[in-house]
Amino acid sequence: MKRNIRYMLFSCLFVAQTAVAQDEDRRNNLEFGIKAGVNISNVWDERGQEFTADSKTGIVGGAFVGIPIGMWLGVQPEILISQKGFKASGSLLGSPYSFSRTATFIDVPLLLQLKPATFVTVVAGPQFSYLIEQKDEYTFGTNNIEQKEEFETDNIRKNILGFTAGLDFYYQHFLISGRVGVDFQTNNGDGSSLTPRYKNQWLQFTAGFKL
């Protein structure tokens, strides 16, 4: 009986030491990973626009690198293909209309990591976004128009600075991430664009795998 108890205590101690070693190992190692999921986006700080904006769902996916700075801190740059946008409705010349915009960006977050435990990492930092495509859909009465904007004749801002923060939850090589983000800059350059002025905001949920 005593031998069994000693064996159980030894086993528990070995498992605990192994878990601690794995904890320190993960938080001290360089990590690479991929992830994909959805953005739930909308606009904020719109100016002079007579419409009501609603959220729109888009896809997001890409890769990241975790660079440790000791056990508790690190840096996590990412590169993502990310869809944002919004839906809107209003009235024009007494007739109702609806509008949907899908803007596709290359997002590059540069995040500071805080690693309080092996299974969770807190991240926050600036995000640089580059607009690569924008698709608009209009419905006015019985008319439906779809347009992909090439940005050749419109002074809109392609490079946008924002901020994002969130949590990464780890289980072995798998992770689930949640983010919230906002743009600091408006979409319409120096203000001469005819495109409605606004800033993006979004919630992001992804699942991934790390090497």
Protein backbone atom coordinates (compact mmCIF):
# COMPACT_ATOMS: atom_id res chain seq x y z
CA MET A 1 0.00 0.00 0.00
CA LYS A 2 2.75 2.42 0.99
CA ARG A 3 4.67 1.47 -2.13
CA ASN A 4 1.61 2.29 -4.28
CA ILE A 5 1.19 5.65 -2.57
CA ARG A 6 4.84 6.50 -3.12
CA TYR A 7 4.51 5.45 -6.75
CA MET A 8 1.45 7.69 -7.23
CA LEU A 9 3.19 10.64 -5.58
CA PHE A 10 6.24 10.13 -7.77
CA SER A 11 4.05 9.94 -10.88
CA CYS A 12 2.21 13.15 -9.98
CA LEU A 13 5.50 14.92 -9.34
CA PHE A 14 6.89 13.72 -12.67
CA VAL A 15 3.77 14.92 -14.55
CA ALA A 16 3.93 18.30 -12.80
CA GLN A 17 7.61 18.73 -13.61
CA THR A 18 6.97 17.74 -17.23
CA ALA A 19 4.12 20.25 -17.50
CA VAL A 20 6.31 23.02 -16.08
CA ALA A 21 9.10 22.09 -18.50
CA GLN A 22 6.66 22.14 -21.44
CA ASP A 23 5.28 25.47 -20.20
CA GLU A 24 8.73 27.05 -20.10
CA ASP A 25 9.64 25.38 -23.40
CA ARG A 26 6.64 26.81 -25.29
CA ARG A 27 6.98 30.30 -23.91
CA ASN A 28 10.74 30.43 -24.59
CA ASN A 29 10.69 28.99 -28.12
CA LEU A 30 10.31 30.63 -31.50
CA GLU A 31 6.91 29.62 -32.92
CA PHE A 32 5.39 29.64 -36.42
CA GLY A 33 1.72 29.15 -37.18
CA ILE A 34 -1.20 29.56 -39.55
CA LYS A 35 -4.78 30.53 -38.80
CA ALA A 36 -8.10 31.30 -40.48
CA GLY A 37 -11.54 32.51 -39.45
CA VAL A 38 -13.98 35.40 -39.76
CA ASN A 39 -14.17 39.16 -39.29
CA ILE A 40 -17.39 40.75 -38.08
CA SER A 41 -16.86 44.33 -39.17
CA ASN A 42 -18.63 47.67 -39.28
CA VAL A 43 -17.72 51.35 -39.56
CA TRP A 44 -17.31 54.09 -37.00
CA ASP A 45 -16.71 57.83 -37.15
CA GLU A 46 -18.60 58.20 -40.42
CA ARG A 47 -19.18 61.87 -41.25
CA GLY A 48 -22.03 63.44 -43.17
CA GLN A 49 -23.53 60.14 -44.27
CA GLU A 50 -27.29 59.70 -44.24
CA PHE A 51 -27.39 55.96 -43.75
CA THR A 52 -27.60 53.38 -40.99
CA ALA A 53 -24.64 50.99 -41.01
CA ASP A 54 -24.89 47.32 -40.06
CA SER A 55 -22.15 44.75 -39.51
CA LYS A 56 -20.86 42.48 -42.26
CA THR A 57 -19.06 39.11 -42.05
CA GLY A 58 -15.91 38.39 -44.06
CA ILE A 59 -13.10 35.87 -44.07
CA VAL A 60 -9.56 36.25 -42.70
CA GLY A 61 -6.50 34.01 -42.84
CA GLY A 62 -2.73 34.09 -42.75
CA ALA A 63 0.41 33.29 -40.80
CA PHE A 64 2.17 34.48 -37.64
CA VAL A 65 5.50 34.21 -35.82
CA GLY A 66 5.97 34.25 -32.04
CA ILE A 67 9.38 35.69 -31.06
CA PRO A 68 10.12 35.28 -27.33
CA ILE A 69 11.69 37.99 -25.18
CA GLY A 70 12.18 35.83 -22.11
CA MET A 71 9.48 33.60 -20.68
CA TRP A 72 6.78 36.21 -20.07
CA LEU A 73 7.08 38.59 -23.03
CA GLY A 74 7.38 38.31 -26.78
CA VAL A 75 6.65 39.90 -30.14
CA GLN A 76 4.15 38.45 -32.62
CA PRO A 77 4.12 39.82 -36.18
CA GLU A 78 1.36 38.50 -38.45
CA ILE A 79 0.39 38.80 -42.10
CA LEU A 80 -3.27 38.30 -42.99
CA ILE A 81 -5.65 38.57 -45.93
CA SER A 82 -8.66 40.19 -44.31
CA GLN A 83 -12.15 41.16 -45.52
CA LYS A 84 -13.88 44.10 -43.83
CA GLY A 85 -16.85 46.20 -44.74
CA PHE A 86 -20.40 47.10 -43.81
CA LYS A 87 -24.00 47.05 -44.95
CA ALA A 88 -26.09 50.20 -45.12
CA SER A 89 -29.61 51.30 -45.87
CA GLY A 90 -31.20 54.68 -46.41
CA SER A 91 -33.40 56.77 -48.65
CA LEU A 92 -32.52 58.51 -51.93
CA LEU A 93 -35.02 60.74 -53.76
CA GLY A 94 -37.77 59.29 -51.60
CA SER A 95 -36.94 55.68 -52.48
CA PRO A 96 -35.23 53.18 -50.19
CA TYR A 97 -31.86 51.74 -51.10
CA SER A 98 -29.39 49.25 -49.66
CA PHE A 99 -25.64 49.14 -50.01
CA SER A 100 -22.97 46.54 -49.18
CA ARG A 101 -19.19 47.06 -49.25
CA THR A 102 -16.52 44.35 -49.01
CA ALA A 103 -12.97 45.70 -48.72
CA THR A 104 -10.07 43.23 -48.89
CA PHE A 105 -6.87 44.19 -47.05
CA ILE A 106 -3.42 42.86 -46.39
CA ASP A 107 -3.21 43.33 -42.60
CA VAL A 108 0.15 43.33 -40.80
CA PRO A 109 -0.31 43.45 -37.00
CA LEU A 110 2.85 43.93 -34.91
CA LEU A 111 1.81 42.65 -31.49
CA LEU A 112 3.40 42.62 -28.06
CA GLN A 113 2.84 39.29 -26.26
CA LEU A 114 2.17 38.90 -22.55
CA LYS A 115 2.35 35.19 -21.61
CA PRO A 116 0.95 34.64 -18.09
CA ALA A 117 0.45 30.88 -18.62
CA THR A 118 1.20 28.17 -21.15
CA PHE A 119 -2.37 28.09 -22.47
CA VAL A 120 -3.05 31.82 -22.91
CA THR A 121 -1.28 34.78 -24.47
CA VAL A 122 -2.46 38.40 -24.35
CA VAL A 123 -1.57 40.42 -27.47
CA ALA A 124 -1.88 44.09 -28.40
CA GLY A 125 -0.27 46.49 -30.84
CA PRO A 126 -0.49 48.55 -34.03
CA GLN A 127 -1.79 47.18 -37.30
CA PHE A 128 -0.85 48.36 -40.79
CA SER A 129 -3.44 47.63 -43.50
CA TYR A 130 -3.14 47.89 -47.29
CA LEU A 131 -6.30 47.94 -49.39
CA ILE A 132 -6.08 45.60 -52.40
CA GLU A 133 -9.71 45.33 -53.58
CA GLN A 134 -13.09 46.84 -52.88
CA LYS A 135 -16.46 45.54 -54.07
CA ASP A 136 -19.70 47.50 -53.75
CA GLU A 137 -23.24 46.24 -54.29
CA TYR A 138 -26.17 48.67 -54.66
CA THR A 139 -29.87 47.89 -54.65
CA PHE A 140 -32.16 50.80 -55.59
CA GLY A 141 -35.73 49.91 -56.32
CA THR A 142 -35.63 47.01 -58.79
CA ASN A 143 -32.06 47.81 -59.88
CA ASN A 144 -29.03 45.91 -58.62
CA ILE A 145 -25.49 47.07 -59.42
CA GLU A 146 -22.20 45.38 -58.53
CA GLN A 147 -18.94 47.26 -58.91
CA LYS A 148 -15.30 46.41 -58.21
CA GLU A 149 -13.35 49.59 -57.54
CA GLU A 150 -9.91 49.90 -59.14
CA PHE A 151 -9.07 53.14 -57.27
CA GLU A 152 -7.57 54.74 -60.39
CA THR A 153 -9.69 57.91 -60.37
CA ASP A 154 -10.58 58.17 -56.69
CA ASN A 155 -8.37 59.56 -53.96
CA ILE A 156 -8.95 56.93 -51.28
CA ARG A 157 -6.41 55.86 -48.71
CA LYS A 158 -4.84 52.47 -49.34
CA ASN A 159 -2.45 52.51 -46.36
CA ILE A 160 -4.30 52.63 -43.03
CA LEU A 161 -2.94 52.57 -39.49
CA GLY A 162 -5.01 50.91 -36.76
CA PHE A 163 -4.82 49.06 -33.47
CA THR A 164 -5.76 45.52 -32.45
CA ALA A 165 -5.75 43.52 -29.21
CA GLY A 166 -6.97 40.12 -28.04
CA LEU A 167 -6.27 36.69 -26.60
CA ASP A 168 -4.74 33.48 -27.95
CA PHE A 169 -5.73 30.21 -26.25
CA TYR A 170 -3.42 27.21 -26.79
CA TYR A 171 -3.95 23.47 -26.51
CA GLN A 172 -0.85 21.58 -27.60
CA HIS A 173 -0.35 22.64 -31.25
CA PHE A 174 -3.82 24.16 -31.69
CA LEU A 175 -5.02 27.64 -30.86
CA ILE A 176 -8.18 29.73 -30.82
CA SER A 177 -7.84 33.49 -31.10
CA GLY A 178 -10.11 36.48 -30.53
CA ARG A 179 -9.34 40.06 -31.55
CA VAL A 180 -10.93 43.49 -31.52
CA GLY A 181 -9.58 46.21 -33.79
CA VAL A 182 -10.15 49.76 -35.01
CA ASP A 183 -8.68 52.01 -37.69
CA PHE A 184 -7.12 55.30 -36.61
CA GLN A 185 -7.26 56.78 -40.13
CA THR A 186 -10.21 57.36 -42.42
CA ASN A 187 -10.51 55.68 -45.81
CA ASN A 188 -10.71 58.76 -48.04
CA GLY A 189 -7.20 60.18 -48.16
CA ASP A 190 -7.01 63.98 -48.00
CA GLY A 191 -10.80 64.33 -48.02
CA SER A 192 -11.24 65.04 -51.74
CA SER A 193 -12.63 61.58 -52.48
CA LEU A 194 -16.30 61.12 -53.29
CA THR A 195 -16.21 57.80 -51.43
CA PRO A 196 -18.02 58.12 -48.04
CA ARG A 197 -15.64 58.85 -45.18
CA TYR A 198 -15.46 56.23 -42.42
CA LYS A 199 -13.13 54.12 -40.28
CA ASN A 200 -13.31 50.33 -39.93
CA GLN A 201 -13.89 48.45 -36.70
CA TRP A 202 -14.02 44.67 -36.32
CA LEU A 203 -14.21 41.57 -34.19
CA GLN A 204 -12.07 38.67 -35.35
CA PHE A 205 -12.30 34.97 -34.45
CA THR A 206 -9.80 32.45 -35.81
CA ALA A 207 -8.57 28.90 -35.24
CA GLY A 208 -5.06 27.82 -36.08
CA PHE A 209 -2.15 25.46 -35.82
CA LYS A 210 1.39 26.26 -34.60
CA LEU A 211 4.60 24.43 -35.42
